[in-house]
Amino acid sequence: MSSLFTFLLVVQAVIAAAMIGVILMQKSEGGGLGVGGSPAGLLSARGAADFMTRATTVLATLFVGLSIVLAAMASVGRSGSTIDTSLSKTAQQQSGSASGSLTGAAPAQAPASDDPLAAAAAAANQPAEAPAESAPAKQ
């Protein structure tokens, strides 16, 4: 992690803490966004000129701007990742050898594709063996 990223992350945390403090110090006048409450609400000239309201606006704008910059910095240098299919190959081999040893039949050929769904579809399309009758039917 670069030192600029770490610095901006610390600045982001300080801005968040300051924004929480400013919001909690504001006087509750009731009615969100100037709906109801006192006539000097958020949408009036006096409410918009209030220091706490302006401080909240500035801190919120800085917070959102820094969030976008940090997200862009975090994504730079990351290439698309590939899914590790080594576990699915070993699972297919183990299930093939286990089913072959249980039924006594030879394991099926591995599909030409590395797609596990194609392997499952090929296994589903194979005819199932009929169970052998161990005892004669009583009459």
N, C-alpha and C. Protein backbone atom coordinates (compact mmCIF):
# COMPACT_ATOMS: atom_id res chain seq x y z
N MET A 1 0.85 -1.16 0.00
CA MET A 1 0.00 0.00 0.00
C MET A 1 0.91 1.24 0.00
N SER A 2 0.61 2.16 -0.87
CA SER A 2 1.46 3.35 -0.98
C SER A 2 1.23 4.29 0.21
N SER A 3 2.22 5.15 0.43
CA SER A 3 2.11 6.08 1.55
C SER A 3 1.04 7.13 1.29
N LEU A 4 0.82 7.51 0.02
CA LEU A 4 -0.25 8.46 -0.29
C LEU A 4 -1.62 7.87 0.02
N PHE A 5 -1.79 6.59 -0.31
CA PHE A 5 -3.06 5.92 -0.03
C PHE A 5 -3.30 5.88 1.48
N THR A 6 -2.26 5.55 2.24
CA THR A 6 -2.39 5.50 3.70
C THR A 6 -2.71 6.88 4.27
N PHE A 7 -2.04 7.91 3.76
CA PHE A 7 -2.30 9.27 4.21
C PHE A 7 -3.75 9.67 3.93
N LEU A 8 -4.23 9.40 2.71
CA LEU A 8 -5.60 9.76 2.35
C LEU A 8 -6.61 8.96 3.18
N LEU A 9 -6.26 7.74 3.53
CA LEU A 9 -7.14 6.92 4.36
C LEU A 9 -7.26 7.51 5.77
N VAL A 10 -6.15 8.02 6.30
CA VAL A 10 -6.18 8.67 7.62
C VAL A 10 -6.99 9.97 7.54
N VAL A 11 -6.79 10.74 6.47
CA VAL A 11 -7.56 11.97 6.29
C VAL A 11 -9.05 11.65 6.19
N GLN A 12 -9.38 10.57 5.50
CA GLN A 12 -10.78 10.13 5.37
C GLN A 12 -11.38 9.84 6.75
N ALA A 13 -10.62 9.16 7.60
CA ALA A 13 -11.11 8.84 8.94
C ALA A 13 -11.29 10.10 9.79
N VAL A 14 -10.38 11.06 9.66
CA VAL A 14 -10.50 12.31 10.41
C VAL A 14 -11.71 13.10 9.93
N ILE A 15 -11.93 13.15 8.63
CA ILE A 15 -13.10 13.85 8.08
C ILE A 15 -14.38 13.18 8.55
N ALA A 16 -14.40 11.86 8.57
CA ALA A 16 -15.60 11.15 9.04
C ALA A 16 -15.88 11.47 10.50
N ALA A 17 -14.84 11.48 11.33
CA ALA A 17 -15.04 11.78 12.75
C ALA A 17 -15.51 13.23 12.93
N ALA A 18 -14.93 14.16 12.17
CA ALA A 18 -15.34 15.56 12.26
C ALA A 18 -16.79 15.74 11.80
N MET A 19 -17.16 15.03 10.74
CA MET A 19 -18.53 15.13 10.24
C MET A 19 -19.52 14.59 11.26
N ILE A 20 -19.18 13.51 11.92
CA ILE A 20 -20.05 12.97 12.98
C ILE A 20 -20.20 13.98 14.11
N GLY A 21 -19.08 14.61 14.51
CA GLY A 21 -19.14 15.60 15.57
C GLY A 21 -19.98 16.81 15.20
N VAL A 22 -19.83 17.31 13.98
CA VAL A 22 -20.59 18.48 13.54
C VAL A 22 -22.08 18.16 13.46
N ILE A 23 -22.40 16.99 12.96
CA ILE A 23 -23.81 16.59 12.85
C ILE A 23 -24.44 16.46 14.24
N LEU A 24 -23.70 15.88 15.18
CA LEU A 24 -24.25 15.71 16.53
C LEU A 24 -24.37 17.03 17.29
N MET A 25 -23.56 18.03 16.93
CA MET A 25 -23.63 19.32 17.61
C MET A 25 -24.74 20.22 17.07
N GLN A 26 -25.30 19.88 15.93
CA GLN A 26 -26.34 20.73 15.35
C GLN A 26 -27.60 20.70 16.21
N LYS A 27 -28.28 21.81 16.21
CA LYS A 27 -29.52 21.92 16.97
C LYS A 27 -30.63 21.21 16.20
N SER A 28 -31.36 20.38 16.91
CA SER A 28 -32.46 19.67 16.28
C SER A 28 -33.65 20.61 16.18
N GLU A 29 -34.07 20.89 14.94
CA GLU A 29 -35.18 21.80 14.74
C GLU A 29 -36.42 21.07 14.26
N GLY A 30 -36.34 19.78 14.09
CA GLY A 30 -37.49 19.00 13.64
C GLY A 30 -37.73 19.18 12.17
N GLY A 31 -38.35 18.21 11.56
CA GLY A 31 -38.69 18.28 10.14
C GLY A 31 -37.46 18.23 9.26
N GLY A 32 -37.21 17.10 8.66
CA GLY A 32 -36.06 16.95 7.79
C GLY A 32 -36.18 17.79 6.53
N LEU A 33 -35.08 18.34 6.08
CA LEU A 33 -34.98 19.15 4.85
C LEU A 33 -35.92 20.35 4.85
N GLY A 34 -36.13 20.95 5.99
CA GLY A 34 -36.92 22.17 6.05
C GLY A 34 -38.42 21.96 6.01
N VAL A 35 -38.89 20.73 6.06
CA VAL A 35 -40.32 20.46 6.06
C VAL A 35 -40.80 20.55 7.49
N GLY A 36 -41.66 21.48 7.80
CA GLY A 36 -42.13 21.66 9.17
C GLY A 36 -41.05 22.32 10.00
N GLY A 37 -41.17 22.26 11.30
CA GLY A 37 -40.18 22.85 12.19
C GLY A 37 -40.25 24.36 12.18
N SER A 38 -39.11 24.99 12.48
CA SER A 38 -39.08 26.45 12.56
C SER A 38 -38.98 27.08 11.17
N PRO A 39 -39.33 28.35 11.04
CA PRO A 39 -39.21 29.00 9.74
C PRO A 39 -37.75 29.20 9.31
N ALA A 40 -36.81 29.09 10.23
CA ALA A 40 -35.39 29.21 9.89
C ALA A 40 -34.81 27.82 9.64
N GLY A 41 -35.44 27.06 8.80
CA GLY A 41 -35.00 25.69 8.53
C GLY A 41 -33.84 25.64 7.56
N LEU A 42 -33.59 24.48 7.02
CA LEU A 42 -32.44 24.25 6.14
C LEU A 42 -32.57 25.02 4.83
N LEU A 43 -33.78 25.19 4.32
CA LEU A 43 -33.95 25.81 3.01
C LEU A 43 -34.04 27.33 3.08
N SER A 44 -34.05 27.94 4.24
CA SER A 44 -34.11 29.40 4.35
C SER A 44 -32.72 29.99 4.22
N ALA A 45 -32.66 31.31 4.04
CA ALA A 45 -31.37 31.99 3.89
C ALA A 45 -30.55 31.90 5.17
N ARG A 46 -31.21 32.04 6.31
CA ARG A 46 -30.49 31.99 7.58
C ARG A 46 -29.97 30.57 7.84
N GLY A 47 -30.79 29.57 7.53
CA GLY A 47 -30.36 28.19 7.77
C GLY A 47 -29.20 27.80 6.88
N ALA A 48 -29.21 28.25 5.62
CA ALA A 48 -28.13 27.91 4.70
C ALA A 48 -26.84 28.61 5.08
N ALA A 49 -26.93 29.78 5.72
CA ALA A 49 -25.74 30.53 6.10
C ALA A 49 -25.18 30.06 7.43
N ASP A 50 -25.87 29.22 8.11
CA ASP A 50 -25.43 28.74 9.41
C ASP A 50 -24.09 28.02 9.28
N PHE A 51 -23.19 28.25 10.21
CA PHE A 51 -21.86 27.64 10.16
C PHE A 51 -21.91 26.11 10.19
N MET A 52 -22.73 25.56 11.05
CA MET A 52 -22.80 24.10 11.17
C MET A 52 -23.32 23.46 9.88
N THR A 53 -24.27 24.11 9.25
CA THR A 53 -24.81 23.57 8.01
C THR A 53 -23.75 23.59 6.91
N ARG A 54 -23.03 24.70 6.83
CA ARG A 54 -21.97 24.80 5.82
C ARG A 54 -20.84 23.82 6.13
N ALA A 55 -20.49 23.67 7.39
CA ALA A 55 -19.43 22.73 7.76
C ALA A 55 -19.83 21.31 7.40
N THR A 56 -21.09 20.97 7.64
CA THR A 56 -21.57 19.63 7.29
C THR A 56 -21.50 19.41 5.78
N THR A 57 -21.88 20.42 5.02
CA THR A 57 -21.85 20.31 3.56
C THR A 57 -20.43 20.13 3.05
N VAL A 58 -19.51 20.92 3.58
CA VAL A 58 -18.11 20.82 3.14
C VAL A 58 -17.53 19.47 3.53
N LEU A 59 -17.75 19.04 4.76
CA LEU A 59 -17.20 17.75 5.21
C LEU A 59 -17.80 16.59 4.43
N ALA A 60 -19.10 16.65 4.14
CA ALA A 60 -19.74 15.57 3.39
C ALA A 60 -19.19 15.52 1.96
N THR A 61 -18.98 16.69 1.36
CA THR A 61 -18.42 16.73 0.00
C THR A 61 -17.00 16.18 -0.02
N LEU A 62 -16.19 16.57 0.97
CA LEU A 62 -14.84 16.03 1.06
C LEU A 62 -14.85 14.51 1.28
N PHE A 63 -15.76 14.05 2.11
CA PHE A 63 -15.85 12.62 2.41
C PHE A 63 -16.18 11.83 1.14
N VAL A 64 -17.16 12.28 0.39
CA VAL A 64 -17.55 11.56 -0.84
C VAL A 64 -16.43 11.64 -1.87
N GLY A 65 -15.82 12.83 -2.01
CA GLY A 65 -14.72 12.97 -2.97
C GLY A 65 -13.55 12.07 -2.64
N LEU A 66 -13.18 12.02 -1.36
CA LEU A 66 -12.08 11.14 -0.95
C LEU A 66 -12.44 9.67 -1.12
N SER A 67 -13.69 9.33 -0.90
CA SER A 67 -14.11 7.94 -1.11
C SER A 67 -13.92 7.52 -2.56
N ILE A 68 -14.27 8.41 -3.48
CA ILE A 68 -14.10 8.10 -4.90
C ILE A 68 -12.62 8.00 -5.26
N VAL A 69 -11.80 8.92 -4.75
CA VAL A 69 -10.37 8.88 -5.03
C VAL A 69 -9.73 7.62 -4.45
N LEU A 70 -10.08 7.26 -3.22
CA LEU A 70 -9.52 6.05 -2.61
C LEU A 70 -9.95 4.79 -3.36
N ALA A 71 -11.18 4.76 -3.83
CA ALA A 71 -11.63 3.60 -4.60
C ALA A 71 -10.89 3.49 -5.91
N ALA A 72 -10.64 4.63 -6.56
CA ALA A 72 -9.89 4.62 -7.82
C ALA A 72 -8.44 4.19 -7.58
N MET A 73 -7.85 4.67 -6.48
CA MET A 73 -6.47 4.29 -6.18
C MET A 73 -6.37 2.81 -5.83
N ALA A 74 -7.36 2.27 -5.17
CA ALA A 74 -7.32 0.86 -4.78
C ALA A 74 -7.46 -0.06 -5.98
N SER A 75 -8.17 0.41 -7.00
CA SER A 75 -8.40 -0.46 -8.16
C SER A 75 -7.27 -0.38 -9.18
N VAL A 76 -6.41 0.63 -9.12
CA VAL A 76 -5.31 0.77 -10.06
C VAL A 76 -4.27 -0.31 -9.76
N GLY A 77 -3.81 -0.94 -10.79
CA GLY A 77 -2.78 -1.96 -10.62
C GLY A 77 -3.32 -3.34 -10.36
N ARG A 78 -4.61 -3.49 -10.28
CA ARG A 78 -5.18 -4.82 -10.09
C ARG A 78 -5.69 -5.32 -11.42
N SER A 79 -5.19 -6.45 -11.82
CA SER A 79 -5.67 -7.03 -13.07
C SER A 79 -6.81 -7.99 -12.75
N GLY A 80 -7.51 -8.39 -13.78
CA GLY A 80 -8.60 -9.34 -13.59
C GLY A 80 -8.07 -10.64 -13.03
N SER A 81 -8.75 -11.19 -12.09
CA SER A 81 -8.29 -12.43 -11.48
C SER A 81 -8.97 -13.62 -12.14
N THR A 82 -8.27 -14.71 -12.13
CA THR A 82 -8.84 -15.94 -12.67
C THR A 82 -9.23 -16.85 -11.52
N ILE A 83 -10.19 -17.67 -11.77
CA ILE A 83 -10.66 -18.59 -10.75
C ILE A 83 -9.75 -19.82 -10.75
N ASP A 84 -9.32 -20.21 -9.58
CA ASP A 84 -8.46 -21.38 -9.45
C ASP A 84 -9.31 -22.62 -9.59
N THR A 85 -9.06 -23.39 -10.65
CA THR A 85 -9.86 -24.59 -10.90
C THR A 85 -9.13 -25.86 -10.47
N SER A 86 -8.00 -25.72 -9.77
CA SER A 86 -7.25 -26.91 -9.39
C SER A 86 -8.04 -27.78 -8.42
N LEU A 87 -8.85 -27.18 -7.56
CA LEU A 87 -9.63 -27.97 -6.61
C LEU A 87 -10.74 -28.73 -7.31
N SER A 88 -11.36 -28.14 -8.33
CA SER A 88 -12.44 -28.85 -9.01
C SER A 88 -11.88 -30.03 -9.80
N LYS A 89 -10.67 -29.90 -10.33
CA LYS A 89 -10.07 -31.02 -11.06
C LYS A 89 -9.79 -32.19 -10.12
N THR A 90 -9.25 -31.89 -8.94
CA THR A 90 -8.95 -32.97 -8.01
C THR A 90 -10.24 -33.57 -7.46
N ALA A 91 -11.27 -32.77 -7.30
CA ALA A 91 -12.55 -33.30 -6.82
C ALA A 91 -13.17 -34.22 -7.86
N GLN A 92 -13.06 -33.85 -9.14
CA GLN A 92 -13.60 -34.70 -10.20
C GLN A 92 -12.83 -36.02 -10.27
N GLN A 93 -11.50 -35.94 -10.11
CA GLN A 93 -10.71 -37.16 -10.16
C GLN A 93 -11.03 -38.06 -8.97
N GLN A 94 -11.19 -37.49 -7.79
CA GLN A 94 -11.49 -38.29 -6.61
C GLN A 94 -12.88 -38.89 -6.70
N SER A 95 -13.85 -38.14 -7.19
CA SER A 95 -15.21 -38.68 -7.30
C SER A 95 -15.26 -39.75 -8.38
N GLY A 96 -14.48 -39.58 -9.44
CA GLY A 96 -14.45 -40.60 -10.49
C GLY A 96 -13.81 -41.88 -9.99
N SER A 97 -12.72 -41.79 -9.24
CA SER A 97 -12.07 -42.99 -8.73
C SER A 97 -12.90 -43.62 -7.62
N ALA A 98 -13.60 -42.82 -6.83
CA ALA A 98 -14.43 -43.37 -5.76
C ALA A 98 -15.64 -44.09 -6.33
N SER A 99 -16.27 -43.51 -7.35
CA SER A 99 -17.43 -44.18 -7.92
C SER A 99 -17.01 -45.42 -8.69
N GLY A 100 -15.82 -45.39 -9.29
CA GLY A 100 -15.34 -46.57 -10.01
C GLY A 100 -15.02 -47.70 -9.05
N SER A 101 -14.48 -47.38 -7.87
CA SER A 101 -14.15 -48.44 -6.92
C SER A 101 -15.40 -48.97 -6.23
N LEU A 102 -16.43 -48.17 -6.09
CA LEU A 102 -17.64 -48.63 -5.43
C LEU A 102 -18.47 -49.52 -6.34
N THR A 103 -18.57 -49.18 -7.61
CA THR A 103 -19.41 -49.95 -8.51
C THR A 103 -18.64 -51.03 -9.25
N GLY A 104 -17.32 -50.96 -9.22
CA GLY A 104 -16.54 -51.95 -9.93
C GLY A 104 -16.37 -51.61 -11.39
N ALA A 105 -16.92 -50.53 -11.85
CA ALA A 105 -16.81 -50.14 -13.25
C ALA A 105 -15.60 -49.24 -13.42
N ALA A 106 -15.12 -49.15 -14.63
CA ALA A 106 -13.99 -48.29 -14.92
C ALA A 106 -14.44 -46.84 -14.86
N PRO A 107 -13.59 -45.95 -14.37
CA PRO A 107 -13.98 -44.55 -14.32
C PRO A 107 -14.20 -43.98 -15.71
N ALA A 108 -15.11 -43.03 -15.81
CA ALA A 108 -15.44 -42.43 -17.09
C ALA A 108 -14.31 -41.55 -17.56
N GLN A 109 -14.25 -41.34 -18.87
CA GLN A 109 -13.25 -40.46 -19.44
C GLN A 109 -13.48 -39.04 -18.97
N ALA A 110 -12.41 -38.31 -18.71
CA ALA A 110 -12.54 -36.92 -18.32
C ALA A 110 -13.00 -36.11 -19.53
N PRO A 111 -13.85 -35.14 -19.33
CA PRO A 111 -14.31 -34.33 -20.45
C PRO A 111 -13.15 -33.52 -21.03
N ALA A 112 -13.28 -33.15 -22.29
CA ALA A 112 -12.24 -32.37 -22.95
C ALA A 112 -12.17 -30.96 -22.40
N SER A 113 -13.25 -30.49 -21.80
CA SER A 113 -13.32 -29.13 -21.27
C SER A 113 -13.00 -29.14 -19.77
N ASP A 114 -12.51 -28.00 -19.27
CA ASP A 114 -12.26 -27.86 -17.85
C ASP A 114 -13.48 -27.34 -17.11
N ASP A 115 -14.58 -27.21 -17.81
CA ASP A 115 -15.81 -26.68 -17.23
C ASP A 115 -16.45 -27.74 -16.34
N PRO A 116 -16.61 -27.47 -15.02
CA PRO A 116 -17.23 -28.46 -14.14
C PRO A 116 -18.69 -28.72 -14.47
N LEU A 117 -19.37 -27.73 -15.04
CA LEU A 117 -20.77 -27.95 -15.41
C LEU A 117 -20.89 -28.91 -16.59
N ALA A 118 -19.92 -28.83 -17.51
CA ALA A 118 -19.93 -29.75 -18.64
C ALA A 118 -19.67 -31.17 -18.16
N ALA A 119 -18.79 -31.32 -17.16
CA ALA A 119 -18.51 -32.64 -16.61
C ALA A 119 -19.75 -33.20 -15.91
N ALA A 120 -20.48 -32.35 -15.20
CA ALA A 120 -21.69 -32.80 -14.51
C ALA A 120 -22.77 -33.19 -15.52
N ALA A 121 -22.88 -32.43 -16.61
CA ALA A 121 -23.86 -32.75 -17.64
C ALA A 121 -23.51 -34.06 -18.33
N ALA A 122 -22.22 -34.30 -18.57
CA ALA A 122 -21.81 -35.56 -19.20
C ALA A 122 -22.08 -36.74 -18.27
N ALA A 123 -21.86 -36.53 -16.97
CA ALA A 123 -22.12 -37.61 -16.01
C ALA A 123 -23.62 -37.88 -15.90
N ALA A 124 -24.43 -36.84 -16.03
CA ALA A 124 -25.88 -37.03 -15.94
C ALA A 124 -26.44 -37.72 -17.18
N ASN A 125 -25.76 -37.56 -18.31
CA ASN A 125 -26.24 -38.16 -19.56
C ASN A 125 -25.85 -39.62 -19.70
N GLN A 126 -24.94 -40.11 -18.85
CA GLN A 126 -24.55 -41.51 -18.93
C GLN A 126 -25.66 -42.38 -18.37
N PRO A 127 -25.94 -43.53 -19.00
CA PRO A 127 -27.02 -44.40 -18.50
C PRO A 127 -26.63 -45.01 -17.15
N ALA A 128 -27.60 -45.08 -16.29
CA ALA A 128 -27.39 -45.66 -14.96
C ALA A 128 -27.46 -47.18 -15.07
N GLU A 129 -26.62 -47.85 -14.29
CA GLU A 129 -26.63 -49.30 -14.29
C GLU A 129 -27.78 -49.82 -13.45
N ALA A 130 -28.41 -50.89 -13.91
CA ALA A 130 -29.51 -51.48 -13.15
C ALA A 130 -28.93 -52.23 -11.96
N PRO A 131 -29.56 -52.16 -10.79
CA PRO A 131 -29.06 -52.86 -9.62
C PRO A 131 -29.17 -54.38 -9.82
N ALA A 132 -28.17 -55.10 -9.40
CA ALA A 132 -28.18 -56.55 -9.54
C ALA A 132 -29.07 -57.16 -8.47
N GLU A 133 -29.81 -58.19 -8.84
CA GLU A 133 -30.68 -58.85 -7.89
C GLU A 133 -29.86 -59.87 -7.11
N SER A 134 -29.87 -59.75 -5.80
CA SER A 134 -29.05 -60.64 -4.99
C SER A 134 -29.82 -61.88 -4.56
N ALA A 135 -31.13 -61.77 -4.40
CA ALA A 135 -31.91 -62.93 -3.96
C ALA A 135 -33.02 -63.16 -4.96
N PRO A 136 -33.38 -64.42 -5.22
CA PRO A 136 -34.49 -64.70 -6.13
C PRO A 136 -35.81 -64.24 -5.52
N ALA A 137 -36.73 -63.88 -6.37
CA ALA A 137 -38.03 -63.39 -5.91
C ALA A 137 -38.84 -64.54 -5.35
N LYS A 138 -39.52 -64.30 -4.22
CA LYS A 138 -40.36 -65.34 -3.61
C LYS A 138 -41.73 -65.31 -4.25
N GLN A 139 -42.30 -66.52 -4.39
CA GLN A 139 -43.62 -66.59 -4.99
C GLN A 139 -44.62 -67.15 -4.04
